[in-house]
């Protein structure tokens, strides 16, 4: 992912923030992570 420093140490993608999301999803895929969207949590029990 190409990036640049805008000012005061702030780093931004040269192209799109979508690249950061895709990077995280690729890292999750490498770990076999399952992801569910549109999945509301109704109740949590236990501990």
ModelCIF file with pLDDT and N, C-alpha, C, O atoms, coordinates in Angstrom:
data_MODEL
#
_entry.id   MODEL 
#
_entity.id                         1 
_entity.type                       polymer 
_entity.pdbx_number_of_molecules   1 
#
_entity_poly.entity_id                      1 
_entity_poly.type                           'polypeptide(L)' 
_entity_poly.nstd_linkage                   no 
_entity_poly.nstd_monomer                   no 
_entity_poly.pdbx_seq_one_letter_code       
;(UNK)(UNK)(UNK)(UNK)(UNK)(UNK)(UNK)(UNK)(UNK)(UNK)(UNK)(UNK)(UNK)(UNK)(UNK)(UNK)
(UNK)(UNK)(UNK)(UNK)(UNK)(UNK)(UNK)(UNK)(UNK)(UNK)(UNK)(UNK)(UNK)(UNK)(UNK)(UNK)
(UNK)(UNK)(UNK)(UNK)(UNK)(UNK)(UNK)(UNK)(UNK)(UNK)(UNK)(UNK)(UNK)(UNK)(UNK)
;
_entity_poly.pdbx_seq_one_letter_code_can   XXXXXXXXXXXXXXXXXXXXXXXXXXXXXXXXXXXXXXXXXXXXXXX 
_entity_poly.pdbx_strand_id                 A 
#
loop_
_entity_poly_seq.entity_id 
_entity_poly_seq.num 
_entity_poly_seq.mon_id 
_entity_poly_seq.hetero 
1 1  UNK n 
1 2  UNK n 
1 3  UNK n 
1 4  UNK n 
1 5  UNK n 
1 6  UNK n 
1 7  UNK n 
1 8  UNK n 
1 9  UNK n 
1 10 UNK n 
1 11 UNK n 
1 12 UNK n 
1 13 UNK n 
1 14 UNK n 
1 15 UNK n 
1 16 UNK n 
1 17 UNK n 
1 18 UNK n 
1 19 UNK n 
1 20 UNK n 
1 21 UNK n 
1 22 UNK n 
1 23 UNK n 
1 24 UNK n 
1 25 UNK n 
1 26 UNK n 
1 27 UNK n 
1 28 UNK n 
1 29 UNK n 
1 30 UNK n 
1 31 UNK n 
1 32 UNK n 
1 33 UNK n 
1 34 UNK n 
1 35 UNK n 
1 36 UNK n 
1 37 UNK n 
1 38 UNK n 
1 39 UNK n 
1 40 UNK n 
1 41 UNK n 
1 42 UNK n 
1 43 UNK n 
1 44 UNK n 
1 45 UNK n 
1 46 UNK n 
1 47 UNK n 
#
_struct_asym.id          A 
_struct_asym.entity_id   1 
#
loop_
_ma_qa_metric.id 
_ma_qa_metric.mode 
_ma_qa_metric.name 
_ma_qa_metric.software_group_id 
_ma_qa_metric.type 
1 global pLDDT . pLDDT 
2 local  pLDDT . pLDDT 
#
_ma_qa_metric_global.metric_id      1 
_ma_qa_metric_global.metric_value   96.00 
_ma_qa_metric_global.model_id       1 
_ma_qa_metric_global.ordinal_id     1 
#
loop_
_ma_qa_metric_local.label_asym_id 
_ma_qa_metric_local.label_comp_id 
_ma_qa_metric_local.label_seq_id 
_ma_qa_metric_local.metric_id 
_ma_qa_metric_local.metric_value 
_ma_qa_metric_local.model_id 
_ma_qa_metric_local.ordinal_id 
A UNK 1  2 98.00 1 1  
A UNK 2  2 98.00 1 2  
A UNK 3  2 98.00 1 3  
A UNK 4  2 97.00 1 4  
A UNK 5  2 96.00 1 5  
A UNK 6  2 92.00 1 6  
A UNK 7  2 85.00 1 7  
A UNK 8  2 83.00 1 8  
A UNK 9  2 94.00 1 9  
A UNK 10 2 97.00 1 10 
A UNK 11 2 98.00 1 11 
A UNK 12 2 98.00 1 12 
A UNK 13 2 98.00 1 13 
A UNK 14 2 97.00 1 14 
A UNK 15 2 97.00 1 15 
A UNK 16 2 97.00 1 16 
A UNK 17 2 98.00 1 17 
A UNK 18 2 98.00 1 18 
A UNK 19 2 98.00 1 19 
A UNK 20 2 98.00 1 20 
A UNK 21 2 98.00 1 21 
A UNK 22 2 98.00 1 22 
A UNK 23 2 98.00 1 23 
A UNK 24 2 98.00 1 24 
A UNK 25 2 98.00 1 25 
A UNK 26 2 98.00 1 26 
A UNK 27 2 98.00 1 27 
A UNK 28 2 98.00 1 28 
A UNK 29 2 98.00 1 29 
A UNK 30 2 98.00 1 30 
A UNK 31 2 98.00 1 31 
A UNK 32 2 98.00 1 32 
A UNK 33 2 98.00 1 33 
A UNK 34 2 98.00 1 34 
A UNK 35 2 98.00 1 35 
A UNK 36 2 97.00 1 36 
A UNK 37 2 97.00 1 37 
A UNK 38 2 96.00 1 38 
A UNK 39 2 96.00 1 39 
A UNK 40 2 95.00 1 40 
A UNK 41 2 96.00 1 41 
A UNK 42 2 95.00 1 42 
A UNK 43 2 96.00 1 43 
A UNK 44 2 97.00 1 44 
A UNK 45 2 95.00 1 45 
A UNK 46 2 89.00 1 46 
A UNK 47 2 78.00 1 47 
#
loop_
_atom_site.group_PDB 
_atom_site.id 
_atom_site.type_symbol 
_atom_site.label_atom_id 
_atom_site.label_alt_id 
_atom_site.label_comp_id 
_atom_site.label_asym_id 
_atom_site.label_entity_id 
_atom_site.label_seq_id 
_atom_site.pdbx_PDB_ins_code 
_atom_site.Cartn_x 
_atom_site.Cartn_y 
_atom_site.Cartn_z 
_atom_site.occupancy 
_atom_site.B_iso_or_equiv 
_atom_site.pdbx_formal_charge 
_atom_site.auth_seq_id 
_atom_site.auth_comp_id 
_atom_site.auth_asym_id 
_atom_site.auth_atom_id 
_atom_site.pdbx_PDB_model_num 
ATOM 1   N N  . UNK A 1 1  ? 0.848   -1.194  0.000  1.00 98.00 ? 1  UNK A N  1 
ATOM 2   C CA . UNK A 1 1  ? 0.000   0.000   0.000  1.00 98.00 ? 1  UNK A CA 1 
ATOM 3   C C  . UNK A 1 1  ? 0.882   1.241   0.000  1.00 98.00 ? 1  UNK A C  1 
ATOM 4   O O  . UNK A 1 1  ? 1.682   1.440   0.914  1.00 98.00 ? 1  UNK A O  1 
ATOM 5   N N  . UNK A 1 2  ? 0.738   2.053   -1.000 1.00 98.00 ? 2  UNK A N  1 
ATOM 6   C CA . UNK A 1 2  ? 1.510   3.297   -1.073 1.00 98.00 ? 2  UNK A CA 1 
ATOM 7   C C  . UNK A 1 2  ? 0.878   4.354   -0.174 1.00 98.00 ? 2  UNK A C  1 
ATOM 8   O O  . UNK A 1 2  ? -0.345  4.447   -0.068 1.00 98.00 ? 2  UNK A O  1 
ATOM 9   N N  . UNK A 1 3  ? 1.724   5.144   0.467  1.00 98.00 ? 3  UNK A N  1 
ATOM 10  C CA . UNK A 1 3  ? 1.240   6.112   1.452  1.00 98.00 ? 3  UNK A CA 1 
ATOM 11  C C  . UNK A 1 3  ? 2.094   7.364   1.413  1.00 98.00 ? 3  UNK A C  1 
ATOM 12  O O  . UNK A 1 3  ? 3.149   7.398   0.780  1.00 98.00 ? 3  UNK A O  1 
ATOM 13  N N  . UNK A 1 4  ? 1.620   8.389   2.097  1.00 97.00 ? 4  UNK A N  1 
ATOM 14  C CA . UNK A 1 4  ? 2.391   9.626   2.189  1.00 97.00 ? 4  UNK A CA 1 
ATOM 15  C C  . UNK A 1 4  ? 2.160   10.261  3.551  1.00 97.00 ? 4  UNK A C  1 
ATOM 16  O O  . UNK A 1 4  ? 1.154   10.007  4.214  1.00 97.00 ? 4  UNK A O  1 
ATOM 17  N N  . UNK A 1 5  ? 3.115   11.095  3.955  1.00 96.00 ? 5  UNK A N  1 
ATOM 18  C CA . UNK A 1 5  ? 2.993   11.850  5.199  1.00 96.00 ? 5  UNK A CA 1 
ATOM 19  C C  . UNK A 1 5  ? 2.452   13.227  4.842  1.00 96.00 ? 5  UNK A C  1 
ATOM 20  O O  . UNK A 1 5  ? 3.069   13.971  4.079  1.00 96.00 ? 5  UNK A O  1 
ATOM 21  N N  . UNK A 1 6  ? 1.307   13.555  5.396  1.00 92.00 ? 6  UNK A N  1 
ATOM 22  C CA . UNK A 1 6  ? 0.671   14.829  5.075  1.00 92.00 ? 6  UNK A CA 1 
ATOM 23  C C  . UNK A 1 6  ? 1.287   15.954  5.887  1.00 92.00 ? 6  UNK A C  1 
ATOM 24  O O  . UNK A 1 6  ? 1.783   16.934  5.331  1.00 92.00 ? 6  UNK A O  1 
ATOM 25  N N  . UNK A 1 7  ? 1.255   15.807  7.206  1.00 85.00 ? 7  UNK A N  1 
ATOM 26  C CA . UNK A 1 7  ? 1.872   16.792  8.097  1.00 85.00 ? 7  UNK A CA 1 
ATOM 27  C C  . UNK A 1 7  ? 1.961   16.190  9.490  1.00 85.00 ? 7  UNK A C  1 
ATOM 28  O O  . UNK A 1 7  ? 1.153   15.339  9.863  1.00 85.00 ? 7  UNK A O  1 
ATOM 29  N N  . UNK A 1 8  ? 2.939   16.633  10.246 1.00 83.00 ? 8  UNK A N  1 
ATOM 30  C CA . UNK A 1 8  ? 3.057   16.264  11.655 1.00 83.00 ? 8  UNK A CA 1 
ATOM 31  C C  . UNK A 1 8  ? 2.971   14.760  11.894 1.00 83.00 ? 8  UNK A C  1 
ATOM 32  O O  . UNK A 1 8  ? 2.366   14.318  12.870 1.00 83.00 ? 8  UNK A O  1 
ATOM 33  N N  . UNK A 1 9  ? 3.570   13.979  11.009 1.00 94.00 ? 9  UNK A N  1 
ATOM 34  C CA . UNK A 1 9  ? 3.610   12.532  11.198 1.00 94.00 ? 9  UNK A CA 1 
ATOM 35  C C  . UNK A 1 9  ? 2.367   11.786  10.775 1.00 94.00 ? 9  UNK A C  1 
ATOM 36  O O  . UNK A 1 9  ? 2.287   10.571  10.953 1.00 94.00 ? 9  UNK A O  1 
ATOM 37  N N  . UNK A 1 10 ? 1.380   12.496  10.209 1.00 97.00 ? 10 UNK A N  1 
ATOM 38  C CA . UNK A 1 10 ? 0.135   11.845  9.806  1.00 97.00 ? 10 UNK A CA 1 
ATOM 39  C C  . UNK A 1 10 ? 0.329   11.094  8.495  1.00 97.00 ? 10 UNK A C  1 
ATOM 40  O O  . UNK A 1 10 ? 0.710   11.685  7.485  1.00 97.00 ? 10 UNK A O  1 
ATOM 41  N N  . UNK A 1 11 ? 0.063   9.775   8.511  1.00 98.00 ? 11 UNK A N  1 
ATOM 42  C CA . UNK A 1 11 ? 0.224   8.958   7.315  1.00 98.00 ? 11 UNK A CA 1 
ATOM 43  C C  . UNK A 1 11 ? -1.134  8.636   6.689  1.00 98.00 ? 11 UNK A C  1 
ATOM 44  O O  . UNK A 1 11 ? -2.075  8.248   7.383  1.00 98.00 ? 11 UNK A O  1 
ATOM 45  N N  . UNK A 1 12 ? -1.218  8.802   5.368  1.00 98.00 ? 12 UNK A N  1 
ATOM 46  C CA . UNK A 1 12 ? -2.439  8.549   4.608  1.00 98.00 ? 12 UNK A CA 1 
ATOM 47  C C  . UNK A 1 12 ? -2.132  7.603   3.450  1.00 98.00 ? 12 UNK A C  1 
ATOM 48  O O  . UNK A 1 12 ? -1.007  7.565   2.953  1.00 98.00 ? 12 UNK A O  1 
ATOM 49  N N  . UNK A 1 13 ? -3.130  6.850   3.028  1.00 98.00 ? 13 UNK A N  1 
ATOM 50  C CA . UNK A 1 13 ? -3.011  6.072   1.800  1.00 98.00 ? 13 UNK A CA 1 
ATOM 51  C C  . UNK A 1 13 ? -2.924  7.024   0.604  1.00 98.00 ? 13 UNK A C  1 
ATOM 52  O O  . UNK A 1 13 ? -3.598  8.054   0.578  1.00 98.00 ? 13 UNK A O  1 
ATOM 53  N N  . UNK A 1 14 ? -2.101  6.681   -0.377 1.00 97.00 ? 14 UNK A N  1 
ATOM 54  C CA . UNK A 1 14 ? -2.065  7.469   -1.601 1.00 97.00 ? 14 UNK A CA 1 
ATOM 55  C C  . UNK A 1 14 ? -3.366  7.329   -2.378 1.00 97.00 ? 14 UNK A C  1 
ATOM 56  O O  . UNK A 1 14 ? -3.810  8.269   -3.038 1.00 97.00 ? 14 UNK A O  1 
ATOM 57  N N  . UNK A 1 15 ? -3.969  6.158   -2.295 1.00 97.00 ? 15 UNK A N  1 
ATOM 58  C CA . UNK A 1 15 ? -5.126  5.871   -3.139 1.00 97.00 ? 15 UNK A CA 1 
ATOM 59  C C  . UNK A 1 15 ? -6.429  5.865   -2.350 1.00 97.00 ? 15 UNK A C  1 
ATOM 60  O O  . UNK A 1 15 ? -7.214  6.807   -2.469 1.00 97.00 ? 15 UNK A O  1 
ATOM 61  N N  . UNK A 1 16 ? -6.684  4.834   -1.550 1.00 97.00 ? 16 UNK A N  1 
ATOM 62  C CA . UNK A 1 16 ? -8.005  4.702   -0.938 1.00 97.00 ? 16 UNK A CA 1 
ATOM 63  C C  . UNK A 1 16 ? -7.925  4.008   0.407  1.00 97.00 ? 16 UNK A C  1 
ATOM 64  O O  . UNK A 1 16 ? -7.104  3.115   0.618  1.00 97.00 ? 16 UNK A O  1 
ATOM 65  N N  . UNK A 1 17 ? -8.795  4.435   1.317  1.00 98.00 ? 17 UNK A N  1 
ATOM 66  C CA . UNK A 1 17 ? -8.900  3.774   2.616  1.00 98.00 ? 17 UNK A CA 1 
ATOM 67  C C  . UNK A 1 17 ? -9.378  2.330   2.474  1.00 98.00 ? 17 UNK A C  1 
ATOM 68  O O  . UNK A 1 17 ? -9.172  1.510   3.369  1.00 98.00 ? 17 UNK A O  1 
ATOM 69  N N  . UNK A 1 18 ? -10.010 2.028   1.357  1.00 98.00 ? 18 UNK A N  1 
ATOM 70  C CA . UNK A 1 18 ? -10.430 0.647   1.101  1.00 98.00 ? 18 UNK A CA 1 
ATOM 71  C C  . UNK A 1 18 ? -9.243  -0.305  1.174  1.00 98.00 ? 18 UNK A C  1 
ATOM 72  O O  . UNK A 1 18 ? -9.402  -1.476  1.520  1.00 98.00 ? 18 UNK A O  1 
ATOM 73  N N  . UNK A 1 19 ? -8.042  0.199   0.846  1.00 98.00 ? 19 UNK A N  1 
ATOM 74  C CA . UNK A 1 19 ? -6.849  -0.646  0.890  1.00 98.00 ? 19 UNK A CA 1 
ATOM 75  C C  . UNK A 1 19 ? -6.549  -1.128  2.317  1.00 98.00 ? 19 UNK A C  1 
ATOM 76  O O  . UNK A 1 19 ? -6.097  -2.256  2.513  1.00 98.00 ? 19 UNK A O  1 
ATOM 77  N N  . UNK A 1 20 ? -6.801  -0.273  3.299  1.00 98.00 ? 20 UNK A N  1 
ATOM 78  C CA . UNK A 1 20 ? -6.565  -0.678  4.690  1.00 98.00 ? 20 UNK A CA 1 
ATOM 79  C C  . UNK A 1 20 ? -7.567  -1.748  5.104  1.00 98.00 ? 20 UNK A C  1 
ATOM 80  O O  . UNK A 1 20 ? -7.198  -2.725  5.756  1.00 98.00 ? 20 UNK A O  1 
ATOM 81  N N  . UNK A 1 21 ? -8.837  -1.570  4.727  1.00 98.00 ? 21 UNK A N  1 
ATOM 82  C CA . UNK A 1 21 ? -9.843  -2.585  5.038  1.00 98.00 ? 21 UNK A CA 1 
ATOM 83  C C  . UNK A 1 21 ? -9.488  -3.901  4.364  1.00 98.00 ? 21 UNK A C  1 
ATOM 84  O O  . UNK A 1 21 ? -9.553  -4.960  4.989  1.00 98.00 ? 21 UNK A O  1 
ATOM 85  N N  . UNK A 1 22 ? -9.113  -3.839  3.090  1.00 98.00 ? 22 UNK A N  1 
ATOM 86  C CA . UNK A 1 22 ? -8.756  -5.071  2.381  1.00 98.00 ? 22 UNK A CA 1 
ATOM 87  C C  . UNK A 1 22 ? -7.544  -5.741  3.007  1.00 98.00 ? 22 UNK A C  1 
ATOM 88  O O  . UNK A 1 22 ? -7.484  -6.968  3.087  1.00 98.00 ? 22 UNK A O  1 
ATOM 89  N N  . UNK A 1 23 ? -6.581  -4.945  3.451  1.00 98.00 ? 23 UNK A N  1 
ATOM 90  C CA . UNK A 1 23 ? -5.410  -5.498  4.134  1.00 98.00 ? 23 UNK A CA 1 
ATOM 91  C C  . UNK A 1 23 ? -5.818  -6.258  5.389  1.00 98.00 ? 23 UNK A C  1 
ATOM 92  O O  . UNK A 1 23 ? -5.347  -7.370  5.627  1.00 98.00 ? 23 UNK A O  1 
ATOM 93  N N  . UNK A 1 24 ? -6.689  -5.659  6.189  1.00 98.00 ? 24 UNK A N  1 
ATOM 94  C CA . UNK A 1 24 ? -7.143  -6.316  7.414  1.00 98.00 ? 24 UNK A CA 1 
ATOM 95  C C  . UNK A 1 24 ? -7.930  -7.582  7.099  1.00 98.00 ? 24 UNK A C  1 
ATOM 96  O O  . UNK A 1 24 ? -7.789  -8.591  7.790  1.00 98.00 ? 24 UNK A O  1 
ATOM 97  N N  . UNK A 1 25 ? -8.756  -7.531  6.064  1.00 98.00 ? 25 UNK A N  1 
ATOM 98  C CA . UNK A 1 25 ? -9.515  -8.721  5.675  1.00 98.00 ? 25 UNK A CA 1 
ATOM 99  C C  . UNK A 1 25 ? -8.576  -9.822  5.174  1.00 98.00 ? 25 UNK A C  1 
ATOM 100 O O  . UNK A 1 25 ? -8.799  -11.000 5.451  1.00 98.00 ? 25 UNK A O  1 
ATOM 101 N N  . UNK A 1 26 ? -7.542  -9.448  4.448  1.00 98.00 ? 26 UNK A N  1 
ATOM 102 C CA . UNK A 1 26 ? -6.563  -10.442 3.992  1.00 98.00 ? 26 UNK A CA 1 
ATOM 103 C C  . UNK A 1 26 ? -5.834  -11.063 5.185  1.00 98.00 ? 26 UNK A C  1 
ATOM 104 O O  . UNK A 1 26 ? -5.591  -12.270 5.210  1.00 98.00 ? 26 UNK A O  1 
ATOM 105 N N  . UNK A 1 27 ? -5.490  -10.236 6.167  1.00 98.00 ? 27 UNK A N  1 
ATOM 106 C CA . UNK A 1 27 ? -4.827  -10.760 7.365  1.00 98.00 ? 27 UNK A CA 1 
ATOM 107 C C  . UNK A 1 27 ? -5.766  -11.684 8.136  1.00 98.00 ? 27 UNK A C  1 
ATOM 108 O O  . UNK A 1 27 ? -5.333  -12.704 8.673  1.00 98.00 ? 27 UNK A O  1 
ATOM 109 N N  . UNK A 1 28 ? -7.048  -11.330 8.190  1.00 98.00 ? 28 UNK A N  1 
ATOM 110 C CA . UNK A 1 28 ? -8.023  -12.210 8.847  1.00 98.00 ? 28 UNK A CA 1 
ATOM 111 C C  . UNK A 1 28 ? -8.153  -13.525 8.093  1.00 98.00 ? 28 UNK A C  1 
ATOM 112 O O  . UNK A 1 28 ? -8.217  -14.594 8.700  1.00 98.00 ? 28 UNK A O  1 
ATOM 113 N N  . UNK A 1 29 ? -8.191  -13.444 6.773  1.00 98.00 ? 29 UNK A N  1 
ATOM 114 C CA . UNK A 1 29 ? -8.306  -14.658 5.965  1.00 98.00 ? 29 UNK A CA 1 
ATOM 115 C C  . UNK A 1 29 ? -7.103  -15.565 6.184  1.00 98.00 ? 29 UNK A C  1 
ATOM 116 O O  . UNK A 1 29 ? -7.234  -16.789 6.207  1.00 98.00 ? 29 UNK A O  1 
ATOM 117 N N  . UNK A 1 30 ? -5.934  -14.960 6.343  1.00 98.00 ? 30 UNK A N  1 
ATOM 118 C CA . UNK A 1 30 ? -4.726  -15.758 6.581  1.00 98.00 ? 30 UNK A CA 1 
ATOM 119 C C  . UNK A 1 30 ? -4.803  -16.514 7.894  1.00 98.00 ? 30 UNK A C  1 
ATOM 120 O O  . UNK A 1 30 ? -4.136  -17.532 8.076  1.00 98.00 ? 30 UNK A O  1 
ATOM 121 N N  . UNK A 1 31 ? -5.625  -16.009 8.810  1.00 98.00 ? 31 UNK A N  1 
ATOM 122 C CA . UNK A 1 31 ? -5.796  -16.676 10.099 1.00 98.00 ? 31 UNK A CA 1 
ATOM 123 C C  . UNK A 1 31 ? -7.069  -17.500 10.180 1.00 98.00 ? 31 UNK A C  1 
ATOM 124 O O  . UNK A 1 31 ? -7.432  -17.995 11.247 1.00 98.00 ? 31 UNK A O  1 
ATOM 125 N N  . UNK A 1 32 ? -7.748  -17.647 9.042  1.00 98.00 ? 32 UNK A N  1 
ATOM 126 C CA . UNK A 1 32 ? -8.964  -18.454 9.032  1.00 98.00 ? 32 UNK A CA 1 
ATOM 127 C C  . UNK A 1 32 ? -10.117 -17.843 9.799  1.00 98.00 ? 32 UNK A C  1 
ATOM 128 O O  . UNK A 1 32 ? -11.002 -18.563 10.260 1.00 98.00 ? 32 UNK A O  1 
ATOM 129 N N  . UNK A 1 33 ? -10.124 -16.527 9.945  1.00 98.00 ? 33 UNK A N  1 
ATOM 130 C CA . UNK A 1 33 ? -11.173 -15.854 10.707 1.00 98.00 ? 33 UNK A CA 1 
ATOM 131 C C  . UNK A 1 33 ? -12.489 -15.873 9.929  1.00 98.00 ? 33 UNK A C  1 
ATOM 132 O O  . UNK A 1 33 ? -12.508 -15.627 8.723  1.00 98.00 ? 33 UNK A O  1 
ATOM 133 N N  . UNK A 1 34 ? -13.573 -16.164 10.619 1.00 98.00 ? 34 UNK A N  1 
ATOM 134 C CA . UNK A 1 34 ? -14.907 -16.067 10.028 1.00 98.00 ? 34 UNK A CA 1 
ATOM 135 C C  . UNK A 1 34 ? -15.510 -14.715 10.398 1.00 98.00 ? 34 UNK A C  1 
ATOM 136 O O  . UNK A 1 34 ? -15.442 -14.284 11.549 1.00 98.00 ? 34 UNK A O  1 
ATOM 137 N N  . UNK A 1 35 ? -16.104 -14.052 9.401  1.00 98.00 ? 35 UNK A N  1 
ATOM 138 C CA . UNK A 1 35 ? -16.685 -12.730 9.616  1.00 98.00 ? 35 UNK A CA 1 
ATOM 139 C C  . UNK A 1 35 ? -18.140 -12.739 9.168  1.00 98.00 ? 35 UNK A C  1 
ATOM 140 O O  . UNK A 1 35 ? -18.457 -13.153 8.053  1.00 98.00 ? 35 UNK A O  1 
ATOM 141 N N  . UNK A 1 36 ? -19.018 -12.280 10.047 1.00 97.00 ? 36 UNK A N  1 
ATOM 142 C CA . UNK A 1 36 ? -20.441 -12.174 9.727  1.00 97.00 ? 36 UNK A CA 1 
ATOM 143 C C  . UNK A 1 36 ? -20.859 -10.717 9.794  1.00 97.00 ? 36 UNK A C  1 
ATOM 144 O O  . UNK A 1 36 ? -20.667 -10.067 10.821 1.00 97.00 ? 36 UNK A O  1 
ATOM 145 N N  . UNK A 1 37 ? -21.433 -10.189 8.706  1.00 97.00 ? 37 UNK A N  1 
ATOM 146 C CA . UNK A 1 37 ? -21.968 -8.832  8.697  1.00 97.00 ? 37 UNK A CA 1 
ATOM 147 C C  . UNK A 1 37 ? -23.494 -8.897  8.713  1.00 97.00 ? 37 UNK A C  1 
ATOM 148 O O  . UNK A 1 37 ? -24.088 -9.935  8.418  1.00 97.00 ? 37 UNK A O  1 
ATOM 149 N N  . UNK A 1 38 ? -24.109 -7.783  9.058  1.00 96.00 ? 38 UNK A N  1 
ATOM 150 C CA . UNK A 1 38 ? -25.562 -7.782  9.213  1.00 96.00 ? 38 UNK A CA 1 
ATOM 151 C C  . UNK A 1 38 ? -26.001 -8.744  10.296 1.00 96.00 ? 38 UNK A C  1 
ATOM 152 O O  . UNK A 1 38 ? -27.073 -9.344  10.223 1.00 96.00 ? 38 UNK A O  1 
ATOM 153 N N  . UNK A 1 39 ? -25.151 -8.877  11.303 1.00 96.00 ? 39 UNK A N  1 
ATOM 154 C CA . UNK A 1 39 ? -25.370 -9.881  12.352 1.00 96.00 ? 39 UNK A CA 1 
ATOM 155 C C  . UNK A 1 39 ? -25.501 -9.182  13.705 1.00 96.00 ? 39 UNK A C  1 
ATOM 156 O O  . UNK A 1 39 ? -24.517 -9.014  14.426 1.00 96.00 ? 39 UNK A O  1 
ATOM 157 N N  . UNK A 1 40 ? -26.713 -8.783  14.035 1.00 95.00 ? 40 UNK A N  1 
ATOM 158 C CA . UNK A 1 40 ? -26.942 -8.084  15.298 1.00 95.00 ? 40 UNK A CA 1 
ATOM 159 C C  . UNK A 1 40 ? -26.847 -9.044  16.473 1.00 95.00 ? 40 UNK A C  1 
ATOM 160 O O  . UNK A 1 40 ? -27.279 -10.194 16.388 1.00 95.00 ? 40 UNK A O  1 
ATOM 161 N N  . UNK A 1 41 ? -26.276 -8.561  17.568 1.00 96.00 ? 41 UNK A N  1 
ATOM 162 C CA . UNK A 1 41 ? -26.204 -9.343  18.805 1.00 96.00 ? 41 UNK A CA 1 
ATOM 163 C C  . UNK A 1 41 ? -27.419 -9.005  19.651 1.00 96.00 ? 41 UNK A C  1 
ATOM 164 O O  . UNK A 1 41 ? -27.680 -7.838  19.943 1.00 96.00 ? 41 UNK A O  1 
ATOM 165 N N  . UNK A 1 42 ? -28.150 -10.021 20.037 1.00 95.00 ? 42 UNK A N  1 
ATOM 166 C CA . UNK A 1 42 ? -29.384 -9.818  20.790 1.00 95.00 ? 42 UNK A CA 1 
ATOM 167 C C  . UNK A 1 42 ? -29.200 -9.993  22.292 1.00 95.00 ? 42 UNK A C  1 
ATOM 168 O O  . UNK A 1 42 ? -29.856 -9.326  23.092 1.00 95.00 ? 42 UNK A O  1 
ATOM 169 N N  . UNK A 1 43 ? -28.303 -10.892 22.663 1.00 96.00 ? 43 UNK A N  1 
ATOM 170 C CA . UNK A 1 43 ? -28.114 -11.183 24.085 1.00 96.00 ? 43 UNK A CA 1 
ATOM 171 C C  . UNK A 1 43 ? -26.761 -11.847 24.296 1.00 96.00 ? 43 UNK A C  1 
ATOM 172 O O  . UNK A 1 43 ? -26.295 -12.618 23.458 1.00 96.00 ? 43 UNK A O  1 
ATOM 173 N N  . UNK A 1 44 ? -26.142 -11.535 25.422 1.00 97.00 ? 44 UNK A N  1 
ATOM 174 C CA . UNK A 1 44 ? -24.875 -12.173 25.805 1.00 97.00 ? 44 UNK A CA 1 
ATOM 175 C C  . UNK A 1 44 ? -25.051 -12.745 27.200 1.00 97.00 ? 44 UNK A C  1 
ATOM 176 O O  . UNK A 1 44 ? -25.533 -12.068 28.107 1.00 97.00 ? 44 UNK A O  1 
ATOM 177 N N  . UNK A 1 45 ? -24.656 -13.993 27.359 1.00 95.00 ? 45 UNK A N  1 
ATOM 178 C CA . UNK A 1 45 ? -24.777 -14.664 28.651 1.00 95.00 ? 45 UNK A CA 1 
ATOM 179 C C  . UNK A 1 45 ? -23.446 -15.301 29.022 1.00 95.00 ? 45 UNK A C  1 
ATOM 180 O O  . UNK A 1 45 ? -22.545 -15.443 28.196 1.00 95.00 ? 45 UNK A O  1 
ATOM 181 N N  . UNK A 1 46 ? -23.354 -15.675 30.278 1.00 89.00 ? 46 UNK A N  1 
ATOM 182 C CA . UNK A 1 46 ? -22.201 -16.450 30.734 1.00 89.00 ? 46 UNK A CA 1 
ATOM 183 C C  . UNK A 1 46 ? -21.126 -15.593 31.334 1.00 89.00 ? 46 UNK A C  1 
ATOM 184 O O  . UNK A 1 46 ? -21.393 -14.536 31.906 1.00 89.00 ? 46 UNK A O  1 
ATOM 185 N N  . UNK A 1 47 ? -19.904 -16.060 31.199 1.00 78.00 ? 47 UNK A N  1 
ATOM 186 C CA . UNK A 1 47 ? -18.753 -15.403 31.795 1.00 78.00 ? 47 UNK A CA 1 
ATOM 187 C C  . UNK A 1 47 ? -17.757 -16.432 32.271 1.00 78.00 ? 47 UNK A C  1 
ATOM 188 O O  . UNK A 1 47 ? -16.708 -16.075 32.808 1.00 78.00 ? 47 UNK A O  1 
#
